[in-house]
Protein backbone atom coordinates (compact mmCIF):
# COMPACT_ATOMS: atom_id res chain seq x y z
CA MET A 1 -0.10 0.01 0.16
CA THR A 2 1.44 3.44 -1.01
CA GLN A 3 2.41 5.80 1.84
CA ILE A 4 1.81 9.41 1.14
CA LEU A 5 3.93 11.58 3.23
CA ALA A 6 3.75 15.41 3.30
CA ILE A 7 7.07 17.32 4.03
CA ALA A 8 5.52 20.38 5.87
CA ASN A 9 6.25 23.29 8.19
CA GLN A 10 4.83 26.81 7.87
CA LYS A 11 8.19 28.23 8.84
CA GLY A 12 10.58 28.67 5.95
CA GLY A 13 14.23 27.67 5.84
CA VAL A 14 13.90 24.62 8.02
CA GLY A 15 15.05 22.05 5.50
CA LYS A 16 11.72 20.78 3.88
CA THR A 17 12.93 20.51 0.37
CA THR A 18 16.43 19.02 1.43
CA THR A 19 14.49 16.65 3.29
CA SER A 20 12.07 15.77 0.40
CA VAL A 21 14.68 15.27 -2.25
CA ASN A 22 17.08 13.39 -0.01
CA LEU A 23 14.32 11.27 1.73
CA ALA A 24 13.15 10.42 -1.79
CA ALA A 25 16.66 9.45 -3.04
CA SER A 26 17.39 7.22 0.00
CA LEU A 27 14.03 5.44 -0.20
CA ALA A 28 14.94 4.70 -3.83
CA ALA A 29 18.25 3.69 -2.93
CA VAL A 30 16.76 0.78 -0.69
CA LYS A 31 14.63 -0.45 -3.74
CA ARG A 32 11.36 1.50 -2.89
CA LYS A 33 9.43 3.03 -5.82
CA VAL A 34 9.19 6.72 -5.01
CA LEU A 35 7.32 9.66 -6.54
CA LEU A 36 8.34 13.28 -5.35
CA VAL A 37 5.70 15.77 -5.85
CA ASP A 38 6.84 19.26 -5.75
CA LEU A 39 4.10 21.58 -4.48
CA ASP A 40 6.19 24.71 -4.02
CA PRO A 41 6.13 27.36 -6.91
CA GLN A 42 9.80 28.01 -6.34
CA GLY A 43 10.46 24.61 -8.00
CA ASN A 44 13.50 23.89 -5.77
CA ALA A 45 12.72 20.18 -5.44
CA THR A 46 12.38 19.62 -9.14
CA MET A 47 15.69 21.41 -9.83
CA GLY A 48 17.37 19.53 -6.92
CA SER A 49 16.30 16.25 -8.50
CA GLY A 50 18.16 17.14 -11.71
CA LEU A 51 15.18 18.28 -13.72
CA GLU A 52 14.90 21.80 -15.57
CA LYS A 53 11.70 23.43 -14.28
CA HIS A 54 11.37 25.76 -16.94
CA SER A 55 11.53 23.12 -19.54
CA LEU A 56 8.80 20.65 -17.94
CA PRO A 57 6.37 19.54 -20.66
CA TYR A 58 3.75 19.37 -17.95
CA SER A 59 3.83 20.33 -14.21
CA VAL A 60 1.75 19.79 -11.18
CA TYR A 61 0.01 23.07 -12.04
CA GLU A 62 -1.62 21.43 -15.36
CA VAL A 63 -2.37 18.34 -13.12
CA LEU A 64 -4.16 20.35 -10.48
CA LEU A 65 -6.17 22.23 -12.83
CA GLY A 66 -7.13 19.07 -14.84
CA ASN A 67 -5.47 20.15 -18.01
CA ALA A 68 -2.92 17.44 -18.31
CA SER A 69 -2.97 13.86 -16.92
CA ILE A 70 -0.60 12.83 -14.07
CA ASN A 71 0.81 10.09 -16.01
CA VAL A 72 2.17 12.40 -18.52
CA ALA A 73 3.40 14.94 -16.20
CA VAL A 74 5.39 12.60 -14.09
CA GLN A 75 9.17 12.58 -15.23
CA PRO A 76 12.06 10.19 -14.12
CA THR A 77 15.04 11.82 -12.48
CA PRO A 78 18.11 11.43 -14.64
CA LYS A 79 20.31 9.90 -11.81
CA ALA A 80 18.42 9.55 -8.68
CA GLY A 81 16.23 6.68 -9.15
CA TYR A 82 12.83 8.21 -8.50
CA ASP A 83 10.19 10.06 -10.44
CA VAL A 84 9.10 13.55 -9.98
CA LEU A 85 5.86 15.53 -10.47
CA GLY A 86 7.56 18.67 -11.14
CA SER A 87 6.69 22.28 -10.43
CA ASN A 88 7.65 25.86 -11.61
CA ARG A 89 6.35 29.56 -11.42
CA GLU A 90 3.10 28.91 -12.98
CA LEU A 91 1.98 27.07 -9.72
CA SER A 92 1.85 30.36 -7.96
CA GLY A 93 -1.21 31.28 -10.10
CA ALA A 94 -3.04 27.97 -9.08
CA GLU A 95 -4.29 29.36 -5.81
CA LEU A 96 -6.61 31.83 -7.53
CA GLU A 97 -7.75 29.48 -10.26
CA LEU A 98 -8.55 26.64 -7.88
CA MET A 99 -10.69 28.92 -5.58
CA ASP A 100 -13.87 28.59 -7.59
CA MET A 101 -13.03 24.82 -8.58
CA GLU A 102 -15.39 22.12 -7.28
CA GLY A 103 -13.50 19.92 -4.74
CA ARG A 104 -10.63 22.38 -4.43
CA GLU A 105 -9.06 20.82 -1.59
CA THR A 106 -9.01 17.30 -2.95
CA ARG A 107 -7.46 17.95 -6.48
CA LEU A 108 -4.24 16.47 -5.66
CA LYS A 109 -5.55 13.45 -3.78
CA ASP A 110 -7.77 12.65 -6.64
CA ALA A 111 -4.92 13.08 -9.09
CA LEU A 112 -2.64 10.65 -7.17
CA ALA A 113 -5.27 7.98 -6.76
CA SER A 114 -4.31 6.44 -10.18
CA LEU A 115 -0.79 6.04 -9.05
CA THR A 116 -1.27 4.39 -5.58
CA LYS A 117 -0.43 0.89 -7.10
CA LYS A 118 2.70 2.16 -8.92
CA TYR A 119 4.56 3.51 -5.80
CA ASP A 120 5.75 2.50 -2.30
CA PHE A 121 6.16 6.11 -1.26
CA ILE A 122 4.81 9.44 -2.50
CA VAL A 123 6.66 12.29 -0.84
CA ILE A 124 5.20 15.77 -1.18
CA ASP A 125 7.40 18.90 -0.72
CA CYS A 126 5.05 21.78 0.64
CA ALA A 127 5.57 25.48 0.41
CA PRO A 128 6.30 27.27 3.79
CA SER A 129 2.82 28.39 4.28
CA LEU A 130 -0.58 27.12 5.11
CA SER A 131 -2.03 27.76 1.54
CA LEU A 132 -4.61 25.98 -0.48
CA LEU A 133 -1.55 24.02 -2.05
CA THR A 134 -0.49 22.89 1.30
CA LEU A 135 -4.06 22.13 2.31
CA ASN A 136 -4.11 19.82 -0.85
CA ALA A 137 -1.11 18.06 0.32
CA LEU A 138 -2.50 17.49 3.85
CA VAL A 139 -5.80 16.15 2.51
CA ALA A 140 -3.84 13.89 0.15
CA ALA A 141 -1.32 12.46 2.80
CA ASP A 142 -1.53 9.67 5.09
CA GLY A 143 1.10 11.33 7.35
CA VAL A 144 3.29 14.42 7.86
CA ILE A 145 6.90 14.72 8.44
CA ILE A 146 7.83 18.03 10.17
CA PRO A 147 11.48 19.16 9.56
CA MET A 148 12.45 21.86 12.12
CA GLN A 149 15.56 23.59 13.37
CA CYS A 150 16.18 23.34 17.06
CA GLU A 151 15.87 27.11 17.91
CA TYR A 152 13.24 28.99 20.15
CA TYR A 153 10.76 30.21 17.39
CA ALA A 154 10.47 26.92 15.83
CA LEU A 155 8.74 25.62 18.80
CA GLU A 156 5.89 28.21 18.30
CA GLY A 157 5.73 27.22 14.68
CA LEU A 158 5.48 23.61 15.37
CA ALA A 159 2.58 24.23 17.98
CA ASP A 160 0.73 26.23 15.11
CA LEU A 161 1.23 23.26 12.67
CA THR A 162 0.29 20.59 15.18
CA ASN A 163 -3.03 22.54 15.71
CA THR A 164 -3.54 22.78 11.79
CA ILE A 165 -3.06 19.01 11.47
CA GLU A 166 -5.44 18.41 14.25
CA ARG A 167 -8.18 20.60 12.67
CA MET A 168 -7.42 18.60 9.34
CA THR A 169 -8.10 15.30 11.15
CA GLN A 170 -11.39 16.77 12.22
CA ARG A 171 -12.71 18.16 9.07
CA LEU A 172 -11.13 16.93 5.84
CA ASN A 173 -8.70 13.99 6.47
CA PRO A 174 -9.39 11.67 9.55
CA ASN A 175 -6.60 9.54 8.70
CA LEU A 176 -3.70 12.22 8.79
CA ARG A 177 -1.02 11.76 11.44
CA ILE A 178 2.23 13.16 12.37
CA ARG A 179 4.69 10.41 11.10
CA GLY A 180 7.78 12.24 12.76
CA ILE A 181 9.44 15.55 13.77
CA LEU A 182 12.79 15.60 12.25
CA ARG A 183 15.61 17.84 13.83
CA THR A 184 17.56 19.55 10.93
CA MET A 185 20.69 21.53 10.58
CA PHE A 186 21.53 20.49 14.13
CA ASP A 187 24.77 21.69 15.77
CA PRO A 188 25.44 19.68 18.79
CA ARG A 189 27.97 22.34 20.03
CA ASN A 190 24.83 24.90 20.32
CA THR A 191 23.46 24.96 23.89
CA LEU A 192 20.23 26.33 22.81
CA ALA A 193 19.99 23.55 20.02
CA ASN A 194 20.42 20.95 22.69
CA ASP A 195 17.91 22.36 25.02
CA VAL A 196 15.35 22.70 22.40
CA SER A 197 16.13 19.01 21.01
CA ALA A 198 15.59 17.74 24.74
CA GLU A 199 12.23 19.76 24.99
CA LEU A 200 11.05 18.16 21.72
CA THR A 201 11.88 14.72 22.88
CA ASN A 202 10.24 15.36 26.31
CA HIS A 203 6.93 16.74 24.94
CA PHE A 204 6.66 14.63 21.70
CA GLY A 205 8.41 11.20 22.81
CA ASP A 206 8.80 8.66 20.00
CA GLN A 207 7.20 11.16 17.49
CA VAL A 208 10.67 12.66 17.32
CA PHE A 209 13.05 10.90 14.71
CA GLU A 210 16.05 9.41 16.48
CA THR A 211 17.87 10.42 13.33
CA VAL A 212 19.10 14.11 13.39
CA ILE A 213 20.27 15.84 10.28
CA PRO A 214 23.50 17.84 10.93
CA ARG A 215 24.64 21.06 9.53
CA ASN A 216 26.72 19.90 6.57
CA VAL A 217 28.19 21.73 3.56
CA ARG A 218 27.60 18.97 1.18
CA LEU A 219 23.84 19.04 1.79
CA ALA A 220 23.95 22.90 0.89
CA GLU A 221 26.19 22.35 -2.27
CA ALA A 222 24.28 19.39 -3.62
CA PRO A 223 21.31 21.34 -5.02
CA ALA A 224 23.35 23.29 -7.25
CA HIS A 225 24.45 20.21 -9.08
CA GLY A 226 20.82 18.92 -9.41
CA LEU A 227 21.68 15.98 -7.36
CA PRO A 228 20.58 14.48 -3.98
CA VAL A 229 23.54 14.54 -1.56
CA MET A 230 24.14 10.92 -1.77
CA TYR A 231 24.94 11.23 -5.59
CA TYR A 232 26.97 14.35 -4.88
CA ASP A 233 29.17 12.97 -2.01
CA LYS A 234 28.02 9.56 -0.79
CA GLY A 235 30.48 9.63 2.02
CA SER A 236 29.23 12.91 3.60
CA ARG A 237 27.54 13.09 7.07
CA GLY A 238 24.42 14.39 5.12
CA ALA A 239 24.24 11.38 2.83
CA PHE A 240 24.51 8.99 5.95
CA ALA A 241 22.04 10.75 7.90
CA TYR A 242 19.21 10.81 5.23
CA LEU A 243 20.01 7.04 4.59
CA THR A 244 19.53 6.39 8.23
CA LEU A 245 16.36 8.43 8.30
CA ALA A 246 14.99 6.36 5.48
CA ALA A 247 15.77 3.10 7.51
CA GLU A 248 14.23 4.64 10.56
CA LEU A 249 11.08 5.62 8.64
CA LEU A 250 10.80 1.96 7.17
CA LYS A 251 11.21 0.46 10.53
CA LYS A 252 8.42 2.77 11.87
CA GLU A 253 6.08 1.88 8.98
CA LYS A 254 6.66 -1.78 9.75
CA LYS A 255 5.87 -1.32 13.32
CA ARG A 256 2.84 0.84 12.48
CA LYS A 257 1.43 -1.85 10.20
CA THR A 258 2.00 -4.62 12.75
CA ALA A 259 0.25 -2.65 15.37
């Protein structure tokens, strides 16, 4: 059964796209069939996967508006082993066009329905806002992975997002659950980071991934080369961290299904 995971946080600059791209690549590396959906008009996940966002024959924009089939819009990555439903600036106009459409919150869910037998995981990279696009991701998803930096203001943003997810389960998607909180750009030498990390663990328990994504220059450099970090520098700490995250996620999924 396909697992659909939204990578979401209303705060920007926390590593959503980095996590989306590298988690997709890591799951593909362990022989899972993966689709990455770029639901951010900036199209960074598309570019970071090695696709030219301005040259896409069709993008998620056309799919959401019903102007193209999702099957023709999905593209394979050149090197990373997963598929991408790409995005570009056109998507920024989708909000207004979707407003008057019937079933505007379920457009992505409906489009993905035809692919659920093709992929083991569908990973959705969300924009840093609670927009209609992010709403579509949360309606389509089974679970949410929340990347966050261990800093004071991040805790407030996390509280807002968990409240949003709770409202979603009550109104639009009763099956939606937080699958994990991921500490990103973590520097263990930083006292505040350690304090916030401890507070997260105390409050959320096993909802916090044991895997921690470190600050790593290779993670920052890889997108400029259109590659996930494991194909840019497989020996880097960033590559190892995301492979470890994929293994932990698979272990959690197995445990959840057994339960």
